[in-house]
Amino acid sequence: MNIQIFGTNKCFDTKKAQRYFKERRVKFQFIDLKEKGMSRGELTSVCQAVKGLDKLLDDGTKDQQTLALVRYLVPAQQLDKVLENQQLLKTPIVRNGKQATVGYCPEVWKDWE
């Protein structure tokens, strides 16, 4: 298993995801989206795994104007705008190779072990 957790240190669900893997002694790499965002390849891979960029967007984000803009743009431009504004992403995003989840999903992670 090659687990990556994308999130922020202030996100409660990200902390729960880290605790989930620590309790099971599963090594993971934590990437803080405030310090180092996702690359285009990582974001594209996660979008394919969760079947769409829309599932990655956080409806409860503080930046509602940018979220509305992203939803208004054509799909080719949406990815670029999300890469510039990664605070729009719902966290945690947990990757295991080509598989990925958005949010706290222990029922899916259990099958990865």
PDB file of N, CA and C in Angstrom:
ATOM      1  N   MET A   1       0.822  -1.190   0.000  1.00  0.00           N
ATOM      2  CA  MET A   1       0.000   0.000   0.000  1.00  0.00           C
ATOM      3  C   MET A   1       0.862   1.248   0.000  1.00  0.00           C
ATOM      4  N   ASN A   2       0.424   2.226  -0.774  1.00  0.00           N
ATOM      5  CA  ASN A   2       1.128   3.497  -0.864  1.00  0.00           C
ATOM      6  C   ASN A   2       0.110   4.612  -0.604  1.00  0.00           C
ATOM      7  N   ILE A   3      -0.152   4.892   0.661  1.00  0.00           N
ATOM      8  CA  ILE A   3      -1.208   5.813   1.050  1.00  0.00           C
ATOM      9  C   ILE A   3      -0.688   7.249   1.085  1.00  0.00           C
ATOM     10  N   GLN A   4      -1.438   8.141   0.451  1.00  0.00           N
ATOM     11  CA  GLN A   4      -1.173   9.573   0.524  1.00  0.00           C
ATOM     12  C   GLN A   4      -2.439  10.233   1.053  1.00  0.00           C
ATOM     13  N   ILE A   5      -2.270  11.128   2.024  1.00  0.00           N
ATOM     14  CA  ILE A   5      -3.397  11.876   2.562  1.00  0.00           C
ATOM     15  C   ILE A   5      -3.166  13.354   2.257  1.00  0.00           C
ATOM     16  N   PHE A   6      -4.059  13.925   1.450  1.00  0.00           N
ATOM     17  CA  PHE A   6      -4.011  15.350   1.129  1.00  0.00           C
ATOM     18  C   PHE A   6      -5.031  16.050   2.008  1.00  0.00           C
ATOM     19  N   GLY A   7      -4.609  17.075   2.714  1.00  0.00           N
ATOM     20  CA  GLY A   7      -5.526  17.805   3.585  1.00  0.00           C
ATOM     21  C   GLY A   7      -4.814  18.977   4.219  1.00  0.00           C
ATOM     22  N   THR A   8      -5.424  19.497   5.290  1.00  0.00           N
ATOM     23  CA  THR A   8      -4.811  20.592   6.035  1.00  0.00           C
ATOM     24  C   THR A   8      -4.736  20.201   7.506  1.00  0.00           C
ATOM     25  N   ASN A   9      -3.831  20.838   8.213  1.00  0.00           N
ATOM     26  CA  ASN A   9      -3.661  20.526   9.635  1.00  0.00           C
ATOM     27  C   ASN A   9      -4.860  20.945  10.474  1.00  0.00           C
ATOM     28  N   LYS A  10      -5.675  21.857   9.977  1.00  0.00           N
ATOM     29  CA  LYS A  10      -6.831  22.329  10.737  1.00  0.00           C
ATOM     30  C   LYS A  10      -8.092  21.509  10.476  1.00  0.00           C
ATOM     31  N   CYS A  11      -8.061  20.634   9.480  1.00  0.00           N
ATOM     32  CA  CYS A  11      -9.243  19.862   9.094  1.00  0.00           C
ATOM     33  C   CYS A  11      -9.440  18.671  10.037  1.00  0.00           C
ATOM     34  N   PHE A  12     -10.594  18.611  10.670  1.00  0.00           N
ATOM     35  CA  PHE A  12     -10.897  17.556  11.631  1.00  0.00           C
ATOM     36  C   PHE A  12     -10.925  16.176  10.957  1.00  0.00           C
ATOM     37  N   ASP A  13     -11.547  16.086   9.777  1.00  0.00           N
ATOM     38  CA  ASP A  13     -11.623  14.790   9.080  1.00  0.00           C
ATOM     39  C   ASP A  13     -10.246  14.319   8.614  1.00  0.00           C
ATOM     40  N   THR A  14      -9.369  15.244   8.274  1.00  0.00           N
ATOM     41  CA  THR A  14      -8.003  14.872   7.897  1.00  0.00           C
ATOM     42  C   THR A  14      -7.284  14.266   9.097  1.00  0.00           C
ATOM     43  N   LYS A  15      -7.468  14.854  10.271  1.00  0.00           N
ATOM     44  CA  LYS A  15      -6.857  14.305  11.488  1.00  0.00           C
ATOM     45  C   LYS A  15      -7.409  12.912  11.790  1.00  0.00           C
ATOM     46  N   LYS A  16      -8.722  12.728  11.571  1.00  0.00           N
ATOM     47  CA  LYS A  16      -9.325  11.413  11.798  1.00  0.00           C
ATOM     48  C   LYS A  16      -8.755  10.376  10.829  1.00  0.00           C
ATOM     49  N   ALA A  17      -8.531  10.770   9.581  1.00  0.00           N
ATOM     50  CA  ALA A  17      -7.951   9.861   8.589  1.00  0.00           C
ATOM     51  C   ALA A  17      -6.529   9.469   8.992  1.00  0.00           C
ATOM     52  N   GLN A  18      -5.745  10.436   9.445  1.00  0.00           N
ATOM     53  CA  GLN A  18      -4.381  10.134   9.889  1.00  0.00           C
ATOM     54  C   GLN A  18      -4.420   9.172  11.071  1.00  0.00           C
ATOM     55  N   ARG A  19      -5.318   9.414  12.006  1.00  0.00           N
ATOM     56  CA  ARG A  19      -5.446   8.539  13.173  1.00  0.00           C
ATOM     57  C   ARG A  19      -5.851   7.120  12.752  1.00  0.00           C
ATOM     58  N   TYR A  20      -6.771   7.012  11.785  1.00  0.00           N
ATOM     59  CA  TYR A  20      -7.225   5.707  11.296  1.00  0.00           C
ATOM     60  C   TYR A  20      -6.040   4.869  10.822  1.00  0.00           C
ATOM     61  N   PHE A  21      -5.167   5.455   9.999  1.00  0.00           N
ATOM     62  CA  PHE A  21      -4.030   4.699   9.468  1.00  0.00           C
ATOM     63  C   PHE A  21      -2.952   4.471  10.525  1.00  0.00           C
ATOM     64  N   LYS A  22      -2.753   5.426  11.425  1.00  0.00           N
ATOM     65  CA  LYS A  22      -1.769   5.239  12.504  1.00  0.00           C
ATOM     66  C   LYS A  22      -2.168   4.080  13.412  1.00  0.00           C
ATOM     67  N   GLU A  23      -3.459   4.001  13.768  1.00  0.00           N
ATOM     68  CA  GLU A  23      -3.939   2.937  14.644  1.00  0.00           C
ATOM     69  C   GLU A  23      -3.742   1.557  14.022  1.00  0.00           C
ATOM     70  N   ARG A  24      -3.746   1.479  12.701  1.00  0.00           N
ATOM     71  CA  ARG A  24      -3.572   0.202  12.004  1.00  0.00           C
ATOM     72  C   ARG A  24      -2.138  -0.018  11.550  1.00  0.00           C
ATOM     73  N   ARG A  25      -1.254   0.875  12.005  1.00  0.00           N
ATOM     74  CA  ARG A  25       0.175   0.817  11.680  1.00  0.00           C
ATOM     75  C   ARG A  25       0.427   0.760  10.168  1.00  0.00           C
ATOM     76  N   VAL A  26      -0.362   1.556   9.448  1.00  0.00           N
ATOM     77  CA  VAL A  26      -0.200   1.670   7.998  1.00  0.00           C
ATOM     78  C   VAL A  26       0.557   2.961   7.736  1.00  0.00           C
ATOM     79  N   LYS A  27       1.687   2.847   7.051  1.00  0.00           N
ATOM     80  CA  LYS A  27       2.475   4.036   6.748  1.00  0.00           C
ATOM     81  C   LYS A  27       1.754   4.868   5.694  1.00  0.00           C
ATOM     82  N   PHE A  28       1.819   6.177   5.858  1.00  0.00           N
ATOM     83  CA  PHE A  28       1.192   7.083   4.899  1.00  0.00           C
ATOM     84  C   PHE A  28       2.034   8.334   4.781  1.00  0.00           C
ATOM     85  N   GLN A  29       1.804   9.044   3.683  1.00  0.00           N
ATOM     86  CA  GLN A  29       2.473  10.321   3.452  1.00  0.00           C
ATOM     87  C   GLN A  29       1.402  11.395   3.556  1.00  0.00           C
ATOM     88  N   PHE A  30       1.624  12.393   4.410  1.00  0.00           N
ATOM     89  CA  PHE A  30       0.678  13.498   4.553  1.00  0.00           C
ATOM     90  C   PHE A  30       1.176  14.685   3.745  1.00  0.00           C
ATOM     91  N   ILE A  31       0.302  15.227   2.905  1.00  0.00           N
ATOM     92  CA  ILE A  31       0.630  16.409   2.113  1.00  0.00           C
ATOM     93  C   ILE A  31      -0.316  17.525   2.535  1.00  0.00           C
ATOM     94  N   ASP A  32       0.251  18.584   3.115  1.00  0.00           N
ATOM     95  CA  ASP A  32      -0.546  19.737   3.557  1.00  0.00           C
ATOM     96  C   ASP A  32      -0.835  20.619   2.340  1.00  0.00           C
ATOM     97  N   LEU A  33      -2.113  20.744   2.002  1.00  0.00           N
ATOM     98  CA  LEU A  33      -2.497  21.509   0.819  1.00  0.00           C
ATOM     99  C   LEU A  33      -2.208  22.997   0.950  1.00  0.00           C
ATOM    100  N   LYS A  34      -2.028  23.489   2.171  1.00  0.00           N
ATOM    101  CA  LYS A  34      -1.697  24.912   2.339  1.00  0.00           C
ATOM    102  C   LYS A  34      -0.223  25.166   2.025  1.00  0.00           C
ATOM    103  N   GLU A  35       0.631  24.164   2.274  1.00  0.00           N
ATOM    104  CA  GLU A  35       2.061  24.321   2.013  1.00  0.00           C
ATOM    105  C   GLU A  35       2.421  23.896   0.593  1.00  0.00           C
ATOM    106  N   LYS A  36       1.939  22.734   0.199  1.00  0.00           N
ATOM    107  CA  LYS A  36       2.283  22.166  -1.104  1.00  0.00           C
ATOM    108  C   LYS A  36       1.019  21.561  -1.688  1.00  0.00           C
ATOM    109  N   GLY A  37       0.526  22.150  -2.738  1.00  0.00           N
ATOM    110  CA  GLY A  37      -0.715  21.673  -3.340  1.00  0.00           C
ATOM    111  C   GLY A  37      -0.514  20.419  -4.169  1.00  0.00           C
ATOM    112  N   MET A  38      -1.621  19.933  -4.694  1.00  0.00           N
ATOM    113  CA  MET A  38      -1.581  18.769  -5.571  1.00  0.00           C
ATOM    114  C   MET A  38      -1.050  19.194  -6.937  1.00  0.00           C
ATOM    115  N   SER A  39      -0.353  18.290  -7.579  1.00  0.00           N
ATOM    116  CA  SER A  39       0.106  18.551  -8.946  1.00  0.00           C
ATOM    117  C   SER A  39      -1.040  18.266  -9.910  1.00  0.00           C
ATOM    118  N   ARG A  40      -0.884  18.681 -11.137  1.00  0.00           N
ATOM    119  CA  ARG A  40      -1.903  18.432 -12.150  1.00  0.00           C
ATOM    120  C   ARG A  40      -2.139  16.930 -12.321  1.00  0.00           C
ATOM    121  N   GLY A  41      -1.065  16.155 -12.348  1.00  0.00           N
ATOM    122  CA  GLY A  41      -1.192  14.702 -12.512  1.00  0.00           C
ATOM    123  C   GLY A  41      -1.927  14.059 -11.349  1.00  0.00           C
ATOM    124  N   GLU A  42      -1.604  14.487 -10.120  1.00  0.00           N
ATOM    125  CA  GLU A  42      -2.278  13.942  -8.938  1.00  0.00           C
ATOM    126  C   GLU A  42      -3.770  14.279  -8.963  1.00  0.00           C
ATOM    127  N   LEU A  43      -4.087  15.530  -9.265  1.00  0.00           N
ATOM    128  CA  LEU A  43      -5.485  15.949  -9.294  1.00  0.00           C
ATOM    129  C   LEU A  43      -6.260  15.213 -10.392  1.00  0.00           C
ATOM    130  N   THR A  44      -5.650  15.044 -11.552  1.00  0.00           N
ATOM    131  CA  THR A  44      -6.294  14.319 -12.647  1.00  0.00           C
ATOM    132  C   THR A  44      -6.547  12.871 -12.262  1.00  0.00           C
ATOM    133  N   SER A  45      -5.565  12.244 -11.635  1.00  0.00           N
ATOM    134  CA  SER A  45      -5.707  10.850 -11.198  1.00  0.00           C
ATOM    135  C   SER A  45      -6.841  10.694 -10.183  1.00  0.00           C
ATOM    136  N   VAL A  46      -6.910  11.612  -9.229  1.00  0.00           N
ATOM    137  CA  VAL A  46      -7.977  11.557  -8.215  1.00  0.00           C
ATOM    138  C   VAL A  46      -9.335  11.793  -8.863  1.00  0.00           C
ATOM    139  N   CYS A  47      -9.404  12.730  -9.800  1.00  0.00           N
ATOM    140  CA  CYS A  47     -10.674  12.993 -10.505  1.00  0.00           C
ATOM    141  C   CYS A  47     -11.176  11.742 -11.218  1.00  0.00           C
ATOM    142  N   GLN A  48     -10.274  11.015 -11.853  1.00  0.00           N
ATOM    143  CA  GLN A  48     -10.660   9.784 -12.540  1.00  0.00           C
ATOM    144  C   GLN A  48     -11.126   8.728 -11.538  1.00  0.00           C
ATOM    145  N   ALA A  49     -10.450   8.645 -10.402  1.00  0.00           N
ATOM    146  CA  ALA A  49     -10.790   7.626  -9.403  1.00  0.00           C
ATOM    147  C   ALA A  49     -12.155   7.877  -8.758  1.00  0.00           C
ATOM    148  N   VAL A  50     -12.493   9.147  -8.525  1.00  0.00           N
ATOM    149  CA  VAL A  50     -13.771   9.464  -7.868  1.00  0.00           C
ATOM    150  C   VAL A  50     -14.855   9.824  -8.887  1.00  0.00           C
ATOM    151  N   LYS A  51     -14.507   9.722 -10.168  1.00  0.00           N
ATOM    152  CA  LYS A  51     -15.452   9.936 -11.271  1.00  0.00           C
ATOM    153  C   LYS A  51     -15.968  11.375 -11.355  1.00  0.00           C
ATOM    154  N   GLY A  52     -15.027  12.308 -11.390  1.00  0.00           N
ATOM    155  CA  GLY A  52     -15.413  13.688 -11.657  1.00  0.00           C
ATOM    156  C   GLY A  52     -14.867  14.716 -10.688  1.00  0.00           C
ATOM    157  N   LEU A  53     -14.541  15.872 -11.224  1.00  0.00           N
ATOM    158  CA  LEU A  53     -14.023  16.979 -10.423  1.00  0.00           C
ATOM    159  C   LEU A  53     -15.074  17.508  -9.466  1.00  0.00           C
ATOM    160  N   ASP A  54     -16.343  17.427  -9.857  1.00  0.00           N
ATOM    161  CA  ASP A  54     -17.420  17.957  -9.022  1.00  0.00           C
ATOM    162  C   ASP A  54     -17.472  17.287  -7.651  1.00  0.00           C
ATOM    163  N   LYS A  55     -17.100  16.012  -7.578  1.00  0.00           N
ATOM    164  CA  LYS A  55     -17.116  15.288  -6.301  1.00  0.00           C
ATOM    165  C   LYS A  55     -16.006  15.769  -5.356  1.00  0.00           C
ATOM    166  N   LEU A  56     -15.000  16.442  -5.906  1.00  0.00           N
ATOM    167  CA  LEU A  56     -13.885  16.956  -5.103  1.00  0.00           C
ATOM    168  C   LEU A  56     -14.152  18.342  -4.522  1.00  0.00           C
ATOM    169  N   LEU A  57     -15.132  19.035  -5.056  1.00  0.00           N
ATOM    170  CA  LEU A  57     -15.388  20.409  -4.632  1.00  0.00           C
ATOM    171  C   LEU A  57     -16.187  20.444  -3.337  1.00  0.00           C
ATOM    172  N   ASP A  58     -15.773  21.330  -2.439  1.00  0.00           N
ATOM    173  CA  ASP A  58     -16.404  21.469  -1.125  1.00  0.00           C
ATOM    174  C   ASP A  58     -17.479  22.549  -1.182  1.00  0.00           C
ATOM    175  N   ASP A  59     -18.748  22.131  -1.066  1.00  0.00           N
ATOM    176  CA  ASP A  59     -19.852  23.091  -1.108  1.00  0.00           C
ATOM    177  C   ASP A  59     -19.829  24.047   0.082  1.00  0.00           C
ATOM    178  N   GLY A  60     -19.164  23.658   1.162  1.00  0.00           N
ATOM    179  CA  GLY A  60     -19.108  24.488   2.361  1.00  0.00           C
ATOM    180  C   GLY A  60     -17.899  25.398   2.433  1.00  0.00           C
ATOM    181  N   THR A  61     -17.196  25.559   1.337  1.00  0.00           N
ATOM    182  CA  THR A  61     -15.999  26.394   1.332  1.00  0.00           C
ATOM    183  C   THR A  61     -16.335  27.854   1.624  1.00  0.00           C
ATOM    184  N   LYS A  62     -15.373  28.563   2.203  1.00  0.00           N
ATOM    185  CA  LYS A  62     -15.567  29.986   2.492  1.00  0.00           C
ATOM    186  C   LYS A  62     -15.536  30.816   1.215  1.00  0.00           C
ATOM    187  N   ASP A  63     -14.847  30.312   0.203  1.00  0.00           N
ATOM    188  CA  ASP A  63     -14.676  31.051  -1.054  1.00  0.00           C
ATOM    189  C   ASP A  63     -15.778  30.661  -2.046  1.00  0.00           C
ATOM    190  N   GLN A  64     -17.010  31.068  -1.749  1.00  0.00           N
ATOM    191  CA  GLN A  64     -18.163  30.698  -2.578  1.00  0.00           C
ATOM    192  C   GLN A  64     -18.107  31.323  -3.976  1.00  0.00           C
ATOM    193  N   GLN A  65     -17.502  32.493  -4.093  1.00  0.00           N
ATOM    194  CA  GLN A  65     -17.429  33.144  -5.408  1.00  0.00           C
ATOM    195  C   GLN A  65     -16.569  32.344  -6.374  1.00  0.00           C
ATOM    196  N   THR A  66     -15.418  31.892  -5.900  1.00  0.00           N
ATOM    197  CA  THR A  66     -14.539  31.115  -6.761  1.00  0.00           C
ATOM    198  C   THR A  66     -15.169  29.768  -7.087  1.00  0.00           C
ATOM    199  N   LEU A  67     -15.858  29.174  -6.117  1.00  0.00           N
ATOM    200  CA  LEU A  67     -16.554  27.905  -6.354  1.00  0.00           C
ATOM    201  C   LEU A  67     -17.605  28.081  -7.453  1.00  0.00           C
ATOM    202  N   ALA A  68     -18.362  29.165  -7.400  1.00  0.00           N
ATOM    203  CA  ALA A  68     -19.370  29.432  -8.431  1.00  0.00           C
ATOM    204  C   ALA A  68     -18.708  29.631  -9.791  1.00  0.00           C
ATOM    205  N   LEU A  69     -17.567  30.310  -9.809  1.00  0.00           N
ATOM    206  CA  LEU A  69     -16.834  30.514 -11.059  1.00  0.00           C
ATOM    207  C   LEU A  69     -16.380  29.181 -11.639  1.00  0.00           C
ATOM    208  N   VAL A  70     -15.830  28.313 -10.804  1.00  0.00           N
ATOM    209  CA  VAL A  70     -15.359  27.002 -11.265  1.00  0.00           C
ATOM    210  C   VAL A  70     -16.516  26.215 -11.882  1.00  0.00           C
ATOM    211  N   ARG A  71     -17.664  26.255 -11.258  1.00  0.00           N
ATOM    212  CA  ARG A  71     -18.823  25.503 -11.781  1.00  0.00           C
ATOM    213  C   ARG A  71     -19.340  26.110 -13.086  1.00  0.00           C
ATOM    214  N   TYR A  72     -19.087  27.381 -13.303  1.00  0.00           N
ATOM    215  CA  TYR A  72     -19.540  28.071 -14.507  1.00  0.00           C
ATOM    216  C   TYR A  72     -18.614  27.815 -15.695  1.00  0.00           C
ATOM    217  N   LEU A  73     -17.335  27.576 -15.427  1.00  0.00           N
ATOM    218  CA  LEU A  73     -16.340  27.392 -16.486  1.00  0.00           C
ATOM    219  C   LEU A  73     -16.557  26.092 -17.251  1.00  0.00           C
ATOM    220  N   VAL A  74     -16.009  26.050 -18.460  1.00  0.00           N
ATOM    221  CA  VAL A  74     -16.035  24.806 -19.234  1.00  0.00           C
ATOM    222  C   VAL A  74     -15.059  23.830 -18.583  1.00  0.00           C
ATOM    223  N   PRO A  75     -15.300  22.519 -18.726  1.00  0.00           N
ATOM    224  CA  PRO A  75     -14.457  21.521 -18.043  1.00  0.00           C
ATOM    225  C   PRO A  75     -12.949  21.687 -18.261  1.00  0.00           C
ATOM    226  N   ALA A  76     -12.539  22.110 -19.444  1.00  0.00           N
ATOM    227  CA  ALA A  76     -11.100  22.271 -19.709  1.00  0.00           C
ATOM    228  C   ALA A  76     -10.477  23.350 -18.817  1.00  0.00           C
ATOM    229  N   GLN A  77     -11.258  24.356 -18.441  1.00  0.00           N
ATOM    230  CA  GLN A  77     -10.741  25.442 -17.614  1.00  0.00           C
ATOM    231  C   GLN A  77     -10.922  25.169 -16.113  1.00  0.00           C
ATOM    232  N   GLN A  78     -11.849  24.294 -15.765  1.00  0.00           N
ATOM    233  CA  GLN A  78     -12.126  24.019 -14.362  1.00  0.00           C
ATOM    234  C   GLN A  78     -10.898  23.487 -13.632  1.00  0.00           C
ATOM    235  N   LEU A  79     -10.204  22.540 -14.248  1.00  0.00           N
ATOM    236  CA  LEU A  79      -9.033  21.939 -13.609  1.00  0.00           C
ATOM    237  C   LEU A  79      -7.976  22.989 -13.301  1.00  0.00           C
ATOM    238  N   ASP A  80      -7.722  23.883 -14.245  1.00  0.00           N
ATOM    239  CA  ASP A  80      -6.727  24.948 -14.027  1.00  0.00           C
ATOM    240  C   ASP A  80      -7.128  25.841 -12.853  1.00  0.00           C
ATOM    241  N   LYS A  81      -8.401  26.204 -12.783  1.00  0.00           N
ATOM    242  CA  LYS A  81      -8.873  27.099 -11.726  1.00  0.00           C
ATOM    243  C   LYS A  81      -8.791  26.412 -10.360  1.00  0.00           C
ATOM    244  N   VAL A  82      -9.096  25.109 -10.304  1.00  0.00           N
ATOM    245  CA  VAL A  82      -9.002  24.379  -9.036  1.00  0.00           C
ATOM    246  C   VAL A  82      -7.539  24.242  -8.610  1.00  0.00           C
ATOM    247  N   LEU A  83      -6.632  24.042  -9.561  1.00  0.00           N
ATOM    248  CA  LEU A  83      -5.206  23.975  -9.226  1.00  0.00           C
ATOM    249  C   LEU A  83      -4.724  25.295  -8.624  1.00  0.00           C
ATOM    250  N   GLU A  84      -5.270  26.415  -9.089  1.00  0.00           N
ATOM    251  CA  GLU A  84      -4.913  27.726  -8.539  1.00  0.00           C
ATOM    252  C   GLU A  84      -5.557  27.975  -7.180  1.00  0.00           C
ATOM    253  N   ASN A  85      -6.697  27.330  -6.911  1.00  0.00           N
ATOM    254  CA  ASN A  85      -7.492  27.577  -5.701  1.00  0.00           C
ATOM    255  C   ASN A  85      -7.801  26.262  -4.991  1.00  0.00           C
ATOM    256  N   GLN A  86      -6.778  25.621  -4.430  1.00  0.00           N
ATOM    257  CA  GLN A  86      -6.975  24.304  -3.855  1.00  0.00           C
ATOM    258  C   GLN A  86      -7.744  24.326  -2.535  1.00  0.00           C
ATOM    259  N   GLN A  87      -8.059  25.515  -2.025  1.00  0.00           N
ATOM    260  CA  GLN A  87      -8.900  25.609  -0.839  1.00  0.00           C
ATOM    261  C   GLN A  87     -10.332  25.185  -1.161  1.00  0.00           C
ATOM    262  N   LEU A  88     -10.653  25.027  -2.439  1.00  0.00           N
ATOM    263  CA  LEU A  88     -11.987  24.590  -2.855  1.00  0.00           C
ATOM    264  C   LEU A  88     -12.182  23.079  -2.706  1.00  0.00           C
ATOM    265  N   LEU A  89     -11.083  22.339  -2.493  1.00  0.00           N
ATOM    266  CA  LEU A  89     -11.160  20.886  -2.422  1.00  0.00           C
ATOM    267  C   LEU A  89     -11.690  20.412  -1.075  1.00  0.00           C
ATOM    268  N   LYS A  90     -12.524  19.388  -1.125  1.00  0.00           N
ATOM    269  CA  LYS A  90     -13.025  18.742   0.087  1.00  0.00           C
ATOM    270  C   LYS A  90     -11.896  17.855   0.619  1.00  0.00           C
ATOM    271  N   THR A  91     -11.658  17.875   1.906  1.00  0.00           N
ATOM    272  CA  THR A  91     -10.562  17.093   2.483  1.00  0.00           C
ATOM    273  C   THR A  91     -11.096  16.126   3.532  1.00  0.00           C
ATOM    274  N   PRO A  92     -10.390  15.054   3.811  1.00  0.00           N
ATOM    275  CA  PRO A  92      -9.136  14.629   3.202  1.00  0.00           C
ATOM    276  C   PRO A  92      -9.367  13.925   1.869  1.00  0.00           C
ATOM    277  N   ILE A  93      -8.367  14.014   1.016  1.00  0.00           N
ATOM    278  CA  ILE A  93      -8.327  13.210  -0.202  1.00  0.00           C
ATOM    279  C   ILE A  93      -7.282  12.138   0.076  1.00  0.00           C
ATOM    280  N   VAL A  94      -7.704  10.891   0.053  1.00  0.00           N
ATOM    281  CA  VAL A  94      -6.811   9.777   0.379  1.00  0.00           C
ATOM    282  C   VAL A  94      -6.597   8.947  -0.882  1.00  0.00           C
ATOM    283  N   ARG A  95      -5.333   8.772  -1.257  1.00  0.00           N
ATOM    284  CA  ARG A  95      -4.972   8.009  -2.455  1.00  0.00           C
ATOM    285  C   ARG A  95      -4.235   6.743  -2.080  1.00  0.00           C
ATOM    286  N   ASN A  96      -4.521   5.701  -2.816  1.00  0.00           N
ATOM    287  CA  ASN A  96      -3.779   4.446  -2.730  1.00  0.00           C
ATOM    288  C   ASN A  96      -3.571   3.983  -4.160  1.00  0.00           C
ATOM    289  N   GLY A  97      -2.457   4.403  -4.764  1.00  0.00           N
ATOM    290  CA  GLY A  97      -2.220   4.085  -6.168  1.00  0.00           C
ATOM    291  C   GLY A  97      -3.250   4.774  -7.042  1.00  0.00           C
ATOM    292  N   LYS A  98      -4.008   4.001  -7.808  1.00  0.00           N
ATOM    293  CA  LYS A  98      -5.038   4.555  -8.700  1.00  0.00           C
ATOM    294  C   LYS A  98      -6.376   4.735  -7.992  1.00  0.00           C
ATOM    295  N   GLN A  99      -6.501   4.249  -6.760  1.00  0.00           N
ATOM    296  CA  GLN A  99      -7.740   4.389  -6.003  1.00  0.00           C
ATOM    297  C   GLN A  99      -7.687   5.673  -5.187  1.00  0.00           C
ATOM    298  N   ALA A 100      -8.861   6.267  -4.943  1.00  0.00           N
ATOM    299  CA  ALA A 100      -8.902   7.486  -4.141  1.00  0.00           C
ATOM    300  C   ALA A 100     -10.275   7.650  -3.515  1.00  0.00           C
ATOM    301  N   THR A 101     -10.293   8.362  -2.376  1.00  0.00           N
ATOM    302  CA  THR A 101     -11.551   8.714  -1.718  1.00  0.00           C
ATOM    303  C   THR A 101     -11.499  10.190  -1.337  1.00  0.00           C
ATOM    304  N   VAL A 102     -12.674  10.758  -1.146  1.00  0.00           N
ATOM    305  CA  VAL A 102     -12.789  12.141  -0.707  1.00  0.00           C
ATOM    306  C   VAL A 102     -13.610  12.132   0.567  1.00  0.00           C
ATOM    307  N   GLY A 103     -13.071  12.759   1.623  1.00  0.00           N
ATOM    308  CA  GLY A 103     -13.746  12.749   2.913  1.00  0.00           C
ATOM    309  C   GLY A 103     -13.293  11.568   3.754  1.00  0.00           C
ATOM    310  N   TYR A 104     -13.917  11.421   4.908  1.00  0.00           N
ATOM    311  CA  TYR A 104     -13.567  10.343   5.841  1.00  0.00           C
ATOM    312  C   TYR A 104     -14.334   9.086   5.429  1.00  0.00           C
ATOM    313  N   CYS A 105     -13.633   8.072   4.912  1.00  0.00           N
ATOM    314  CA  CYS A 105     -14.267   6.870   4.343  1.00  0.00           C
ATOM    315  C   CYS A 105     -13.610   5.584   4.849  1.00  0.00           C
ATOM    316  N   PRO A 106     -13.669   5.288   6.152  1.00  0.00           N
ATOM    317  CA  PRO A 106     -12.997   4.088   6.657  1.00  0.00           C
ATOM    318  C   PRO A 106     -13.536   2.778   6.056  1.00  0.00           C
ATOM    319  N   GLU A 107     -14.805   2.774   5.629  1.00  0.00           N
ATOM    320  CA  GLU A 107     -15.368   1.558   5.052  1.00  0.00           C
ATOM    321  C   GLU A 107     -14.683   1.198   3.726  1.00  0.00           C
ATOM    322  N   VAL A 108     -14.209   2.189   2.986  1.00  0.00           N
ATOM    323  CA  VAL A 108     -13.479   1.944   1.741  1.00  0.00           C
ATOM    324  C   VAL A 108     -12.028   1.593   2.054  1.00  0.00           C
ATOM    325  N   TRP A 109     -11.415   2.311   2.986  1.00  0.00           N
ATOM    326  CA  TRP A 109     -10.000   2.083   3.322  1.00  0.00           C
ATOM    327  C   TRP A 109      -9.786   0.683   3.881  1.00  0.00           C
ATOM    328  N   LYS A 110     -10.787   0.151   4.564  1.00  0.00           N
ATOM    329  CA  LYS A 110     -10.675  -1.195   5.147  1.00  0.00           C
ATOM    330  C   LYS A 110     -10.405  -2.221   4.042  1.00  0.00           C
ATOM    331  N   ASP A 111     -11.019  -2.043   2.878  1.00  0.00           N
ATOM    332  CA  ASP A 111     -10.813  -2.961   1.758  1.00  0.00           C
ATOM    333  C   ASP A 111      -9.437  -2.835   1.133  1.00  0.00           C
ATOM    334  N   TRP A 112      -8.737  -1.738   1.385  1.00  0.00           N
ATOM    335  CA  TRP A 112      -7.398  -1.531   0.847  1.00  0.00           C
ATOM    336  C   TRP A 112      -6.340  -2.323   1.592  1.00  0.00           C
ATOM    337  N   GLU A 113      -6.640  -2.726   2.831  1.00  0.00           N
ATOM    338  CA  GLU A 113      -5.622  -3.378   3.678  1.00  0.00           C
ATOM    339  C   GLU A 113      -5.361  -4.796   3.232  1.00  0.00           C
TER     340      GLU A 113
END
